[in-house]
Amino acid sequence: MLKPNGQVFIDWPFLQPVHGYPSHFFNATREGLVSLFEDNGFKTDLAFTGAHQTAAYTIQWILGRFAHHLKDPQLRHEFAQMKVSDLVSMDQQDPLWWKFLNALPPDAFSELACGNMLVATKAAS
């Protein structure tokens, strides 16, 4: 698909915090993106986070979409009035989080998830 010595430019979004080994490859951590290409014969010339890919975009997008999906105006207002320090200091299982989370429609719960789980059974043949 690419001529020898041809270059490819990839601009791949990534919204979740990076963590150590094992790196994820389909959610486009920098390490995963580099590995994907280096394992297939490419030499990495540059791997970086662009100005349009900073944490500011992630935080604004997630919090904005979260608030958007809270259809109850009072609940949306309560969420909007919270300080960042309140949000980051609150335990993930805190009843207040669940007050907001339980108000999200299923599609928003999936849209804003930091992960997903699957249970599957291999076919017999």
PDB file of N, CA and C in Angstrom:
ATOM      1  N   MET A   1       0.817  -1.179   0.000  1.00  0.00           N
ATOM      2  CA  MET A   1       0.000   0.000   0.000  1.00  0.00           C
ATOM      3  C   MET A   1       0.870   1.257   0.000  1.00  0.00           C
ATOM      4  N   LEU A   2       2.067   1.156   0.544  1.00  0.00           N
ATOM      5  CA  LEU A   2       2.983   2.292   0.609  1.00  0.00           C
ATOM      6  C   LEU A   2       4.271   1.894  -0.105  1.00  0.00           C
ATOM      7  N   LYS A   3       4.795   2.780  -0.942  1.00  0.00           N
ATOM      8  CA  LYS A   3       6.037   2.503  -1.663  1.00  0.00           C
ATOM      9  C   LYS A   3       7.195   2.386  -0.672  1.00  0.00           C
ATOM     10  N   PRO A   4       8.257   1.639  -1.030  1.00  0.00           N
ATOM     11  CA  PRO A   4       9.451   1.626  -0.183  1.00  0.00           C
ATOM     12  C   PRO A   4       9.934   3.059   0.048  1.00  0.00           C
ATOM     13  N   ASN A   5      10.306   3.363   1.248  1.00  0.00           N
ATOM     14  CA  ASN A   5      10.735   4.694   1.695  1.00  0.00           C
ATOM     15  C   ASN A   5       9.591   5.717   1.725  1.00  0.00           C
ATOM     16  N   GLY A   6       8.366   5.277   1.475  1.00  0.00           N
ATOM     17  CA  GLY A   6       7.213   6.170   1.594  1.00  0.00           C
ATOM     18  C   GLY A   6       6.928   6.435   3.069  1.00  0.00           C
ATOM     19  N   GLN A   7       6.299   7.545   3.361  1.00  0.00           N
ATOM     20  CA  GLN A   7       5.975   7.893   4.745  1.00  0.00           C
ATOM     21  C   GLN A   7       4.474   7.825   4.968  1.00  0.00           C
ATOM     22  N   VAL A   8       4.112   7.512   6.188  1.00  0.00           N
ATOM     23  CA  VAL A   8       2.711   7.496   6.582  1.00  0.00           C
ATOM     24  C   VAL A   8       2.543   8.487   7.730  1.00  0.00           C
ATOM     25  N   PHE A   9       1.429   9.199   7.756  1.00  0.00           N
ATOM     26  CA  PHE A   9       1.110  10.129   8.840  1.00  0.00           C
ATOM     27  C   PHE A   9      -0.160   9.616   9.502  1.00  0.00           C
ATOM     28  N   ILE A  10      -0.095   9.345  10.785  1.00  0.00           N
ATOM     29  CA  ILE A  10      -1.233   8.822  11.543  1.00  0.00           C
ATOM     30  C   ILE A  10      -1.616   9.842  12.602  1.00  0.00           C
ATOM     31  N   ASP A  11      -2.881  10.171  12.683  1.00  0.00           N
ATOM     32  CA  ASP A  11      -3.414  11.047  13.727  1.00  0.00           C
ATOM     33  C   ASP A  11      -4.554  10.270  14.372  1.00  0.00           C
ATOM     34  N   TRP A  12      -4.254   9.575  15.480  1.00  0.00           N
ATOM     35  CA  TRP A  12      -5.165   8.611  16.068  1.00  0.00           C
ATOM     36  C   TRP A  12      -5.556   9.064  17.460  1.00  0.00           C
ATOM     37  N   PRO A  13      -6.837   9.234  17.751  1.00  0.00           N
ATOM     38  CA  PRO A  13      -7.248   9.699  19.076  1.00  0.00           C
ATOM     39  C   PRO A  13      -7.005   8.654  20.157  1.00  0.00           C
ATOM     40  N   PHE A  14      -6.811   9.143  21.349  1.00  0.00           N
ATOM     41  CA  PHE A  14      -6.608   8.296  22.516  1.00  0.00           C
ATOM     42  C   PHE A  14      -7.136   9.047  23.725  1.00  0.00           C
ATOM     43  N   LEU A  15      -8.117   8.494  24.415  1.00  0.00           N
ATOM     44  CA  LEU A  15      -8.766   9.231  25.494  1.00  0.00           C
ATOM     45  C   LEU A  15      -8.469   8.706  26.888  1.00  0.00           C
ATOM     46  N   GLN A  16      -7.884   7.532  26.999  1.00  0.00           N
ATOM     47  CA  GLN A  16      -7.681   6.952  28.324  1.00  0.00           C
ATOM     48  C   GLN A  16      -6.247   7.153  28.787  1.00  0.00           C
ATOM     49  N   PRO A  17      -6.049   7.235  30.102  1.00  0.00           N
ATOM     50  CA  PRO A  17      -4.685   7.394  30.619  1.00  0.00           C
ATOM     51  C   PRO A  17      -3.788   6.221  30.201  1.00  0.00           C
ATOM     52  N   VAL A  18      -2.568   6.527  29.881  1.00  0.00           N
ATOM     53  CA  VAL A  18      -1.592   5.500  29.512  1.00  0.00           C
ATOM     54  C   VAL A  18      -1.151   4.777  30.780  1.00  0.00           C
ATOM     55  N   HIS A  19      -0.898   3.495  30.665  1.00  0.00           N
ATOM     56  CA  HIS A  19      -0.416   2.720  31.800  1.00  0.00           C
ATOM     57  C   HIS A  19       0.717   1.830  31.336  1.00  0.00           C
ATOM     58  N   GLY A  20       1.361   1.189  32.286  1.00  0.00           N
ATOM     59  CA  GLY A  20       2.507   0.337  31.976  1.00  0.00           C
ATOM     60  C   GLY A  20       2.109  -0.954  31.285  1.00  0.00           C
ATOM     61  N   TYR A  21       3.072  -1.830  31.145  1.00  0.00           N
ATOM     62  CA  TYR A  21       2.899  -3.117  30.489  1.00  0.00           C
ATOM     63  C   TYR A  21       1.739  -3.885  31.106  1.00  0.00           C
ATOM     64  N   PRO A  22       0.899  -4.559  30.357  1.00  0.00           N
ATOM     65  CA  PRO A  22       0.956  -4.623  28.903  1.00  0.00           C
ATOM     66  C   PRO A  22       0.274  -3.415  28.268  1.00  0.00           C
ATOM     67  N   SER A  23       0.903  -2.860  27.255  1.00  0.00           N
ATOM     68  CA  SER A  23       0.324  -1.713  26.558  1.00  0.00           C
ATOM     69  C   SER A  23      -0.863  -2.171  25.716  1.00  0.00           C
ATOM     70  N   HIS A  24      -1.840  -1.311  25.563  1.00  0.00           N
ATOM     71  CA  HIS A  24      -2.957  -1.587  24.664  1.00  0.00           C
ATOM     72  C   HIS A  24      -2.544  -1.163  23.264  1.00  0.00           C
ATOM     73  N   PHE A  25      -3.093  -1.807  22.274  1.00  0.00           N
ATOM     74  CA  PHE A  25      -2.753  -1.466  20.901  1.00  0.00           C
ATOM     75  C   PHE A  25      -3.919  -0.866  20.133  1.00  0.00           C
ATOM     76  N   PHE A  26      -5.119  -1.183  20.504  1.00  0.00           N
ATOM     77  CA  PHE A  26      -6.245  -0.672  19.738  1.00  0.00           C
ATOM     78  C   PHE A  26      -6.796   0.631  20.292  1.00  0.00           C
ATOM     79  N   ASN A  27      -6.320   1.065  21.452  1.00  0.00           N
ATOM     80  CA  ASN A  27      -6.748   2.370  21.930  1.00  0.00           C
ATOM     81  C   ASN A  27      -5.644   3.393  21.743  1.00  0.00           C
ATOM     82  N   ALA A  28      -4.686   3.062  20.920  1.00  0.00           N
ATOM     83  CA  ALA A  28      -3.701   3.996  20.389  1.00  0.00           C
ATOM     84  C   ALA A  28      -2.843   4.723  21.406  1.00  0.00           C
ATOM     85  N   THR A  29      -2.300   4.001  22.384  1.00  0.00           N
ATOM     86  CA  THR A  29      -1.260   4.631  23.192  1.00  0.00           C
ATOM     87  C   THR A  29      -0.107   4.929  22.246  1.00  0.00           C
ATOM     88  N   ARG A  30       0.738   5.848  22.617  1.00  0.00           N
ATOM     89  CA  ARG A  30       1.893   6.153  21.770  1.00  0.00           C
ATOM     90  C   ARG A  30       2.735   4.893  21.586  1.00  0.00           C
ATOM     91  N   GLU A  31       2.941   4.143  22.682  1.00  0.00           N
ATOM     92  CA  GLU A  31       3.745   2.919  22.611  1.00  0.00           C
ATOM     93  C   GLU A  31       3.107   1.896  21.674  1.00  0.00           C
ATOM     94  N   GLY A  32       1.795   1.757  21.748  1.00  0.00           N
ATOM     95  CA  GLY A  32       1.095   0.817  20.879  1.00  0.00           C
ATOM     96  C   GLY A  32       1.178   1.210  19.422  1.00  0.00           C
ATOM     97  N   LEU A  33       1.027   2.497  19.150  1.00  0.00           N
ATOM     98  CA  LEU A  33       1.095   2.998  17.776  1.00  0.00           C
ATOM     99  C   LEU A  33       2.492   2.779  17.188  1.00  0.00           C
ATOM    100  N   VAL A  34       3.530   3.109  17.960  1.00  0.00           N
ATOM    101  CA  VAL A  34       4.910   2.897  17.508  1.00  0.00           C
ATOM    102  C   VAL A  34       5.157   1.409  17.267  1.00  0.00           C
ATOM    103  N   SER A  35       4.757   0.563  18.218  1.00  0.00           N
ATOM    104  CA  SER A  35       4.972  -0.881  18.076  1.00  0.00           C
ATOM    105  C   SER A  35       4.265  -1.438  16.853  1.00  0.00           C
ATOM    106  N   LEU A  36       3.039  -1.006  16.632  1.00  0.00           N
ATOM    107  CA  LEU A  36       2.268  -1.487  15.490  1.00  0.00           C
ATOM    108  C   LEU A  36       3.022  -1.266  14.184  1.00  0.00           C
ATOM    109  N   PHE A  37       3.641  -0.099  14.031  1.00  0.00           N
ATOM    110  CA  PHE A  37       4.356   0.200  12.793  1.00  0.00           C
ATOM    111  C   PHE A  37       5.761  -0.392  12.783  1.00  0.00           C
ATOM    112  N   GLU A  38       6.492  -0.315  13.901  1.00  0.00           N
ATOM    113  CA  GLU A  38       7.850  -0.870  13.919  1.00  0.00           C
ATOM    114  C   GLU A  38       7.832  -2.381  13.740  1.00  0.00           C
ATOM    115  N   ASP A  39       6.809  -3.050  14.282  1.00  0.00           N
ATOM    116  CA  ASP A  39       6.694  -4.499  14.112  1.00  0.00           C
ATOM    117  C   ASP A  39       6.388  -4.884  12.664  1.00  0.00           C
ATOM    118  N   ASN A  40       6.038  -3.904  11.852  1.00  0.00           N
ATOM    119  CA  ASN A  40       5.716  -4.157  10.446  1.00  0.00           C
ATOM    120  C   ASN A  40       6.684  -3.463   9.501  1.00  0.00           C
ATOM    121  N   GLY A  41       7.928  -3.240   9.974  1.00  0.00           N
ATOM    122  CA  GLY A  41       8.995  -2.777   9.104  1.00  0.00           C
ATOM    123  C   GLY A  41       9.166  -1.280   8.958  1.00  0.00           C
ATOM    124  N   PHE A  42       8.454  -0.486   9.726  1.00  0.00           N
ATOM    125  CA  PHE A  42       8.609   0.968   9.644  1.00  0.00           C
ATOM    126  C   PHE A  42       9.645   1.439  10.657  1.00  0.00           C
ATOM    127  N   LYS A  43      10.297   2.542  10.356  1.00  0.00           N
ATOM    128  CA  LYS A  43      11.182   3.224  11.297  1.00  0.00           C
ATOM    129  C   LYS A  43      10.419   4.447  11.781  1.00  0.00           C
ATOM    130  N   THR A  44      10.318   4.612  13.094  1.00  0.00           N
ATOM    131  CA  THR A  44       9.601   5.765  13.641  1.00  0.00           C
ATOM    132  C   THR A  44      10.456   7.008  13.487  1.00  0.00           C
ATOM    133  N   ASP A  45       9.954   7.979  12.758  1.00  0.00           N
ATOM    134  CA  ASP A  45      10.643   9.257  12.601  1.00  0.00           C
ATOM    135  C   ASP A  45      10.244  10.218  13.715  1.00  0.00           C
ATOM    136  N   LEU A  46       9.011  10.126  14.157  1.00  0.00           N
ATOM    137  CA  LEU A  46       8.504  11.047  15.172  1.00  0.00           C
ATOM    138  C   LEU A  46       7.237  10.451  15.767  1.00  0.00           C
ATOM    139  N   ALA A  47       7.116  10.486  17.078  1.00  0.00           N
ATOM    140  CA  ALA A  47       5.888  10.074  17.765  1.00  0.00           C
ATOM    141  C   ALA A  47       5.637  11.131  18.834  1.00  0.00           C
ATOM    142  N   PHE A  48       4.489  11.768  18.782  1.00  0.00           N
ATOM    143  CA  PHE A  48       4.251  12.893  19.689  1.00  0.00           C
ATOM    144  C   PHE A  48       2.754  13.103  19.901  1.00  0.00           C
ATOM    145  N   THR A  49       2.434  13.942  20.871  1.00  0.00           N
ATOM    146  CA  THR A  49       1.067  14.368  21.128  1.00  0.00           C
ATOM    147  C   THR A  49       0.912  15.760  20.540  1.00  0.00           C
ATOM    148  N   GLY A  50      -0.020  15.916  19.599  1.00  0.00           N
ATOM    149  CA  GLY A  50      -0.244  17.210  18.962  1.00  0.00           C
ATOM    150  C   GLY A  50      -1.010  18.164  19.865  1.00  0.00           C
ATOM    151  N   ALA A  51      -0.957  19.432  19.523  1.00  0.00           N
ATOM    152  CA  ALA A  51      -1.654  20.457  20.308  1.00  0.00           C
ATOM    153  C   ALA A  51      -3.154  20.195  20.369  1.00  0.00           C
ATOM    154  N   HIS A  52      -3.694  19.497  19.380  1.00  0.00           N
ATOM    155  CA  HIS A  52      -5.122  19.175  19.348  1.00  0.00           C
ATOM    156  C   HIS A  52      -5.433  17.845  20.030  1.00  0.00           C
ATOM    157  N   GLN A  53      -4.443  17.278  20.736  1.00  0.00           N
ATOM    158  CA  GLN A  53      -4.624  15.986  21.393  1.00  0.00           C
ATOM    159  C   GLN A  53      -4.288  16.048  22.880  1.00  0.00           C
ATOM    160  N   THR A  54      -4.309  17.220  23.461  1.00  0.00           N
ATOM    161  CA  THR A  54      -3.911  17.385  24.860  1.00  0.00           C
ATOM    162  C   THR A  54      -5.018  16.954  25.819  1.00  0.00           C
ATOM    163  N   ALA A  55      -4.653  16.885  27.086  1.00  0.00           N
ATOM    164  CA  ALA A  55      -5.616  16.538  28.133  1.00  0.00           C
ATOM    165  C   ALA A  55      -6.778  17.520  28.179  1.00  0.00           C
ATOM    166  N   ALA A  56      -6.553  18.760  27.755  1.00  0.00           N
ATOM    167  CA  ALA A  56      -7.641  19.746  27.751  1.00  0.00           C
ATOM    168  C   ALA A  56      -8.805  19.265  26.887  1.00  0.00           C
ATOM    169  N   TYR A  57      -8.498  18.666  25.744  1.00  0.00           N
ATOM    170  CA  TYR A  57      -9.550  18.154  24.866  1.00  0.00           C
ATOM    171  C   TYR A  57     -10.254  16.962  25.504  1.00  0.00           C
ATOM    172  N   THR A  58      -9.482  16.071  26.109  1.00  0.00           N
ATOM    173  CA  THR A  58     -10.056  14.891  26.752  1.00  0.00           C
ATOM    174  C   THR A  58     -11.003  15.291  27.870  1.00  0.00           C
ATOM    175  N   ILE A  59     -10.519  16.151  28.756  1.00  0.00           N
ATOM    176  CA  ILE A  59     -11.319  16.550  29.920  1.00  0.00           C
ATOM    177  C   ILE A  59     -12.569  17.300  29.484  1.00  0.00           C
ATOM    178  N   GLN A  60     -12.405  18.252  28.588  1.00  0.00           N
ATOM    179  CA  GLN A  60     -13.562  19.027  28.123  1.00  0.00           C
ATOM    180  C   GLN A  60     -14.583  18.126  27.427  1.00  0.00           C
ATOM    181  N   TRP A  61     -14.104  17.211  26.609  1.00  0.00           N
ATOM    182  CA  TRP A  61     -15.000  16.318  25.880  1.00  0.00           C
ATOM    183  C   TRP A  61     -15.769  15.423  26.845  1.00  0.00           C
ATOM    184  N   ILE A  62     -15.064  14.758  27.749  1.00  0.00           N
ATOM    185  CA  ILE A  62     -15.727  13.819  28.653  1.00  0.00           C
ATOM    186  C   ILE A  62     -16.698  14.542  29.585  1.00  0.00           C
ATOM    187  N   LEU A  63     -16.252  15.617  30.228  1.00  0.00           N
ATOM    188  CA  LEU A  63     -17.144  16.327  31.151  1.00  0.00           C
ATOM    189  C   LEU A  63     -18.321  16.967  30.413  1.00  0.00           C
ATOM    190  N   GLY A  64     -18.060  17.515  29.238  1.00  0.00           N
ATOM    191  CA  GLY A  64     -19.136  18.119  28.456  1.00  0.00           C
ATOM    192  C   GLY A  64     -20.181  17.110  28.030  1.00  0.00           C
ATOM    193  N   ARG A  65     -19.740  15.956  27.548  1.00  0.00           N
ATOM    194  CA  ARG A  65     -20.674  14.907  27.134  1.00  0.00           C
ATOM    195  C   ARG A  65     -21.411  14.332  28.337  1.00  0.00           C
ATOM    196  N   PHE A  66     -20.695  14.189  29.458  1.00  0.00           N
ATOM    197  CA  PHE A  66     -21.320  13.679  30.676  1.00  0.00           C
ATOM    198  C   PHE A  66     -22.472  14.597  31.071  1.00  0.00           C
ATOM    199  N   ALA A  67     -22.203  15.899  31.148  1.00  0.00           N
ATOM    200  CA  ALA A  67     -23.238  16.876  31.519  1.00  0.00           C
ATOM    201  C   ALA A  67     -24.374  16.874  30.494  1.00  0.00           C
ATOM    202  N   HIS A  68     -24.026  16.796  29.219  1.00  0.00           N
ATOM    203  CA  HIS A  68     -25.033  16.780  28.152  1.00  0.00           C
ATOM    204  C   HIS A  68     -26.034  15.645  28.347  1.00  0.00           C
ATOM    205  N   HIS A  69     -25.550  14.492  28.762  1.00  0.00           N
ATOM    206  CA  HIS A  69     -26.404  13.312  28.906  1.00  0.00           C
ATOM    207  C   HIS A  69     -27.244  13.324  30.179  1.00  0.00           C
ATOM    208  N   LEU A  70     -26.954  14.217  31.114  1.00  0.00           N
ATOM    209  CA  LEU A  70     -27.784  14.332  32.321  1.00  0.00           C
ATOM    210  C   LEU A  70     -29.019  15.149  31.952  1.00  0.00           C
ATOM    211  N   LYS A  71     -30.115  14.478  31.691  1.00  0.00           N
ATOM    212  CA  LYS A  71     -31.320  15.147  31.181  1.00  0.00           C
ATOM    213  C   LYS A  71     -32.070  15.929  32.258  1.00  0.00           C
ATOM    214  N   ASP A  72     -31.952  15.523  33.515  1.00  0.00           N
ATOM    215  CA  ASP A  72     -32.609  16.247  34.606  1.00  0.00           C
ATOM    216  C   ASP A  72     -31.866  17.563  34.835  1.00  0.00           C
ATOM    217  N   PRO A  73     -32.525  18.703  34.617  1.00  0.00           N
ATOM    218  CA  PRO A  73     -31.841  19.998  34.747  1.00  0.00           C
ATOM    219  C   PRO A  73     -31.217  20.234  36.123  1.00  0.00           C
ATOM    220  N   GLN A  74     -31.883  19.793  37.176  1.00  0.00           N
ATOM    221  CA  GLN A  74     -31.329  19.977  38.525  1.00  0.00           C
ATOM    222  C   GLN A  74     -30.067  19.145  38.713  1.00  0.00           C
ATOM    223  N   LEU A  75     -30.103  17.927  38.225  1.00  0.00           N
ATOM    224  CA  LEU A  75     -28.939  17.049  38.340  1.00  0.00           C
ATOM    225  C   LEU A  75     -27.779  17.584  37.503  1.00  0.00           C
ATOM    226  N   ARG A  76     -28.085  18.063  36.292  1.00  0.00           N
ATOM    227  CA  ARG A  76     -27.053  18.653  35.434  1.00  0.00           C
ATOM    228  C   ARG A  76     -26.438  19.878  36.110  1.00  0.00           C
ATOM    229  N   HIS A  77     -27.271  20.701  36.728  1.00  0.00           N
ATOM    230  CA  HIS A  77     -26.776  21.889  37.433  1.00  0.00           C
ATOM    231  C   HIS A  77     -25.888  21.480  38.615  1.00  0.00           C
ATOM    232  N   GLU A  78     -26.326  20.475  39.369  1.00  0.00           N
ATOM    233  CA  GLU A  78     -25.526  19.996  40.504  1.00  0.00           C
ATOM    234  C   GLU A  78     -24.153  19.518  40.028  1.00  0.00           C
ATOM    235  N   PHE A  79     -24.136  18.777  38.936  1.00  0.00           N
ATOM    236  CA  PHE A  79     -22.874  18.294  38.379  1.00  0.00           C
ATOM    237  C   PHE A  79     -22.008  19.466  37.924  1.00  0.00           C
ATOM    238  N   ALA A  80     -22.607  20.413  37.224  1.00  0.00           N
ATOM    239  CA  ALA A  80     -21.865  21.560  36.685  1.00  0.00           C
ATOM    240  C   ALA A  80     -21.285  22.447  37.783  1.00  0.00           C
ATOM    241  N   GLN A  81     -21.885  22.449  38.946  1.00  0.00           N
ATOM    242  CA  GLN A  81     -21.401  23.288  40.039  1.00  0.00           C
ATOM    243  C   GLN A  81     -20.254  22.644  40.822  1.00  0.00           C
ATOM    244  N   MET A  82     -19.961  21.384  40.546  1.00  0.00           N
ATOM    245  CA  MET A  82     -18.885  20.710  41.273  1.00  0.00           C
ATOM    246  C   MET A  82     -17.530  21.256  40.834  1.00  0.00           C
ATOM    247  N   LYS A  83     -16.600  21.286  41.769  1.00  0.00           N
ATOM    248  CA  LYS A  83     -15.233  21.711  41.474  1.00  0.00           C
ATOM    249  C   LYS A  83     -14.436  20.503  40.975  1.00  0.00           C
ATOM    250  N   VAL A  84     -13.430  20.782  40.203  1.00  0.00           N
ATOM    251  CA  VAL A  84     -12.547  19.715  39.730  1.00  0.00           C
ATOM    252  C   VAL A  84     -11.989  18.946  40.923  1.00  0.00           C
ATOM    253  N   SER A  85     -11.613  19.652  41.976  1.00  0.00           N
ATOM    254  CA  SER A  85     -11.061  18.984  43.164  1.00  0.00           C
ATOM    255  C   SER A  85     -12.079  18.028  43.786  1.00  0.00           C
ATOM    256  N   ASP A  86     -13.375  18.362  43.701  1.00  0.00           N
ATOM    257  CA  ASP A  86     -14.411  17.454  44.212  1.00  0.00           C
ATOM    258  C   ASP A  86     -14.457  16.178  43.377  1.00  0.00           C
ATOM    259  N   LEU A  87     -14.399  16.343  42.067  1.00  0.00           N
ATOM    260  CA  LEU A  87     -14.489  15.193  41.167  1.00  0.00           C
ATOM    261  C   LEU A  87     -13.303  14.252  41.319  1.00  0.00           C
ATOM    262  N   VAL A  88     -12.093  14.807  41.386  1.00  0.00           N
ATOM    263  CA  VAL A  88     -10.905  13.943  41.424  1.00  0.00           C
ATOM    264  C   VAL A  88     -10.656  13.342  42.800  1.00  0.00           C
ATOM    265  N   SER A  89     -11.213  13.935  43.840  1.00  0.00           N
ATOM    266  CA  SER A  89     -10.994  13.383  45.180  1.00  0.00           C
ATOM    267  C   SER A  89     -12.060  12.360  45.566  1.00  0.00           C
ATOM    268  N   MET A  90     -13.142  12.308  44.816  1.00  0.00           N
ATOM    269  CA  MET A  90     -14.241  11.407  45.139  1.00  0.00           C
ATOM    270  C   MET A  90     -13.904   9.979  44.702  1.00  0.00           C
ATOM    271  N   ASP A  91     -14.126   9.016  45.587  1.00  0.00           N
ATOM    272  CA  ASP A  91     -13.936   7.610  45.251  1.00  0.00           C
ATOM    273  C   ASP A  91     -14.846   7.239  44.078  1.00  0.00           C
ATOM    274  N   GLN A  92     -14.363   6.378  43.196  1.00  0.00           N
ATOM    275  CA  GLN A  92     -15.125   6.007  42.001  1.00  0.00           C
ATOM    276  C   GLN A  92     -16.442   5.307  42.334  1.00  0.00           C
ATOM    277  N   GLN A  93     -16.544   4.730  43.526  1.00  0.00           N
ATOM    278  CA  GLN A  93     -17.778   4.044  43.917  1.00  0.00           C
ATOM    279  C   GLN A  93     -18.628   4.886  44.868  1.00  0.00           C
ATOM    280  N   ASP A  94     -18.270   6.144  45.033  1.00  0.00           N
ATOM    281  CA  ASP A  94     -19.019   7.047  45.910  1.00  0.00           C
ATOM    282  C   ASP A  94     -20.481   7.124  45.453  1.00  0.00           C
ATOM    283  N   PRO A  95     -21.415   7.121  46.387  1.00  0.00           N
ATOM    284  CA  PRO A  95     -22.834   7.225  46.012  1.00  0.00           C
ATOM    285  C   PRO A  95     -23.158   8.456  45.152  1.00  0.00           C
ATOM    286  N   LEU A  96     -22.428   9.546  45.334  1.00  0.00           N
ATOM    287  CA  LEU A  96     -22.689  10.723  44.511  1.00  0.00           C
ATOM    288  C   LEU A  96     -22.354  10.446  43.047  1.00  0.00           C
ATOM    289  N   TRP A  97     -21.220   9.748  42.803  1.00  0.00           N
ATOM    290  CA  TRP A  97     -20.919   9.360  41.422  1.00  0.00           C
ATOM    291  C   TRP A  97     -22.073   8.538  40.867  1.00  0.00           C
ATOM    292  N   TRP A  98     -22.534   7.564  41.667  1.00  0.00           N
ATOM    293  CA  TRP A  98     -23.587   6.676  41.180  1.00  0.00           C
ATOM    294  C   TRP A  98     -24.910   7.400  40.999  1.00  0.00           C
ATOM    295  N   LYS A  99     -25.126   8.465  41.731  1.00  0.00           N
ATOM    296  CA  LYS A  99     -26.315   9.298  41.501  1.00  0.00           C
ATOM    297  C   LYS A  99     -26.279   9.843  40.067  1.00  0.00           C
ATOM    298  N   PHE A 100     -25.110  10.325  39.652  1.00  0.00           N
ATOM    299  CA  PHE A 100     -24.950  10.835  38.287  1.00  0.00           C
ATOM    300  C   PHE A 100     -24.929   9.690  37.271  1.00  0.00           C
ATOM    301  N   LEU A 101     -24.141   8.659  37.547  1.00  0.00           N
ATOM    302  CA  LEU A 101     -24.000   7.547  36.606  1.00  0.00           C
ATOM    303  C   LEU A 101     -25.331   6.857  36.325  1.00  0.00           C
ATOM    304  N   ASN A 102     -26.127   6.662  37.360  1.00  0.00           N
ATOM    305  CA  ASN A 102     -27.422   6.000  37.183  1.00  0.00           C
ATOM    306  C   ASN A 102     -28.404   6.842  36.377  1.00  0.00           C
ATOM    307  N   ALA A 103     -28.133   8.123  36.245  1.00  0.00           N
ATOM    308  CA  ALA A 103     -28.995   9.005  35.450  1.00  0.00           C
ATOM    309  C   ALA A 103     -28.614   9.000  33.968  1.00  0.00           C
ATOM    310  N   LEU A 104     -27.491   8.384  33.629  1.00  0.00           N
ATOM    311  CA  LEU A 104     -27.057   8.339  32.227  1.00  0.00           C
ATOM    312  C   LEU A 104     -27.830   7.281  31.458  1.00  0.00           C
ATOM    313  N   PRO A 105     -28.225   7.580  30.225  1.00  0.00           N
ATOM    314  CA  PRO A 105     -28.833   6.537  29.395  1.00  0.00           C
ATOM    315  C   PRO A 105     -27.760   5.509  29.008  1.00  0.00           C
ATOM    316  N   PRO A 106     -28.169   4.285  28.665  1.00  0.00           N
ATOM    317  CA  PRO A 106     -27.192   3.232  28.344  1.00  0.00           C
ATOM    318  C   PRO A 106     -26.171   3.624  27.276  1.00  0.00           C
ATOM    319  N   ASP A 107     -26.589   4.356  26.239  1.00  0.00           N
ATOM    320  CA  ASP A 107     -25.633   4.721  25.193  1.00  0.00           C
ATOM    321  C   ASP A 107     -24.570   5.675  25.726  1.00  0.00           C
ATOM    322  N   ALA A 108     -24.916   6.551  26.663  1.00  0.00           N
ATOM    323  CA  ALA A 108     -23.934   7.459  27.256  1.00  0.00           C
ATOM    324  C   ALA A 108     -23.001   6.697  28.189  1.00  0.00           C
ATOM    325  N   PHE A 109     -23.548   5.725  28.906  1.00  0.00           N
ATOM    326  CA  PHE A 109     -22.734   4.906  29.802  1.00  0.00           C
ATOM    327  C   PHE A 109     -21.638   4.223  28.993  1.00  0.00           C
ATOM    328  N   SER A 110     -21.998   3.730  27.819  1.00  0.00           N
ATOM    329  CA  SER A 110     -21.034   3.089  26.932  1.00  0.00           C
ATOM    330  C   SER A 110     -20.085   4.107  26.308  1.00  0.00           C
ATOM    331  N   GLU A 111     -20.623   5.233  25.849  1.00  0.00           N
ATOM    332  CA  GLU A 111     -19.813   6.277  25.208  1.00  0.00           C
ATOM    333  C   GLU A 111     -18.696   6.777  26.114  1.00  0.00           C
ATOM    334  N   LEU A 112     -18.990   6.919  27.394  1.00  0.00           N
ATOM    335  CA  LEU A 112     -18.045   7.537  28.323  1.00  0.00           C
ATOM    336  C   LEU A 112     -17.262   6.529  29.152  1.00  0.00           C
ATOM    337  N   ALA A 113     -17.404   5.258  28.842  1.00  0.00           N
ATOM    338  CA  ALA A 113     -16.733   4.216  29.619  1.00  0.00           C
ATOM    339  C   ALA A 113     -15.221   4.273  29.456  1.00  0.00           C
ATOM    340  N   CYS A 114     -14.504   3.902  30.503  1.00  0.00           N
ATOM    341  CA  CYS A 114     -13.042   3.807  30.387  1.00  0.00           C
ATOM    342  C   CYS A 114     -12.631   2.382  30.046  1.00  0.00           C
ATOM    343  N   GLY A 115     -13.591   1.498  29.910  1.00  0.00           N
ATOM    344  CA  GLY A 115     -13.310   0.124  29.541  1.00  0.00           C
ATOM    345  C   GLY A 115     -14.606  -0.616  29.269  1.00  0.00           C
ATOM    346  N   ASN A 116     -14.491  -1.789  28.719  1.00  0.00           N
ATOM    347  CA  ASN A 116     -15.642  -2.639  28.440  1.00  0.00           C
ATOM    348  C   ASN A 116     -15.267  -4.076  28.735  1.00  0.00           C
ATOM    349  N   MET A 117     -16.258  -4.887  29.014  1.00  0.00           N
ATOM    350  CA  MET A 117     -16.022  -6.297  29.300  1.00  0.00           C
ATOM    351  C   MET A 117     -16.835  -7.141  28.328  1.00  0.00           C
ATOM    352  N   LEU A 118     -16.403  -8.366  28.154  1.00  0.00           N
ATOM    353  CA  LEU A 118     -17.059  -9.282  27.230  1.00  0.00           C
ATOM    354  C   LEU A 118     -17.003 -10.679  27.815  1.00  0.00           C
ATOM    355  N   VAL A 119     -18.080 -11.407  27.688  1.00  0.00           N
ATOM    356  CA  VAL A 119     -18.114 -12.832  27.988  1.00  0.00           C
ATOM    357  C   VAL A 119     -18.520 -13.500  26.687  1.00  0.00           C
ATOM    358  N   ALA A 120     -17.740 -14.478  26.231  1.00  0.00           N
ATOM    359  CA  ALA A 120     -18.019 -15.126  24.951  1.00  0.00           C
ATOM    360  C   ALA A 120     -17.747 -16.617  25.057  1.00  0.00           C
ATOM    361  N   THR A 121     -18.382 -17.377  24.200  1.00  0.00           N
ATOM    362  CA  THR A 121     -18.184 -18.821  24.144  1.00  0.00           C
ATOM    363  C   THR A 121     -17.744 -19.186  22.736  1.00  0.00           C
ATOM    364  N   LYS A 122     -16.658 -19.943  22.659  1.00  0.00           N
ATOM    365  CA  LYS A 122     -16.168 -20.383  21.355  1.00  0.00           C
ATOM    366  C   LYS A 122     -17.117 -21.418  20.773  1.00  0.00           C
ATOM    367  N   ALA A 123     -17.374 -21.303  19.480  1.00  0.00           N
ATOM    368  CA  ALA A 123     -18.246 -22.255  18.792  1.00  0.00           C
ATOM    369  C   ALA A 123     -17.658 -23.655  18.878  1.00  0.00           C
ATOM    370  N   ALA A 124     -18.512 -24.657  18.916  1.00  0.00           N
ATOM    371  CA  ALA A 124     -18.081 -26.048  19.056  1.00  0.00           C
ATOM    372  C   ALA A 124     -17.259 -26.532  17.877  1.00  0.00           C
ATOM    373  N   SER A 125     -17.531 -26.051  16.676  1.00  0.00           N
ATOM    374  CA  SER A 125     -16.793 -26.562  15.512  1.00  0.00           C
ATOM    375  C   SER A 125     -15.848 -25.558  14.946  1.00  0.00           C
TER     376      SER A 125
END
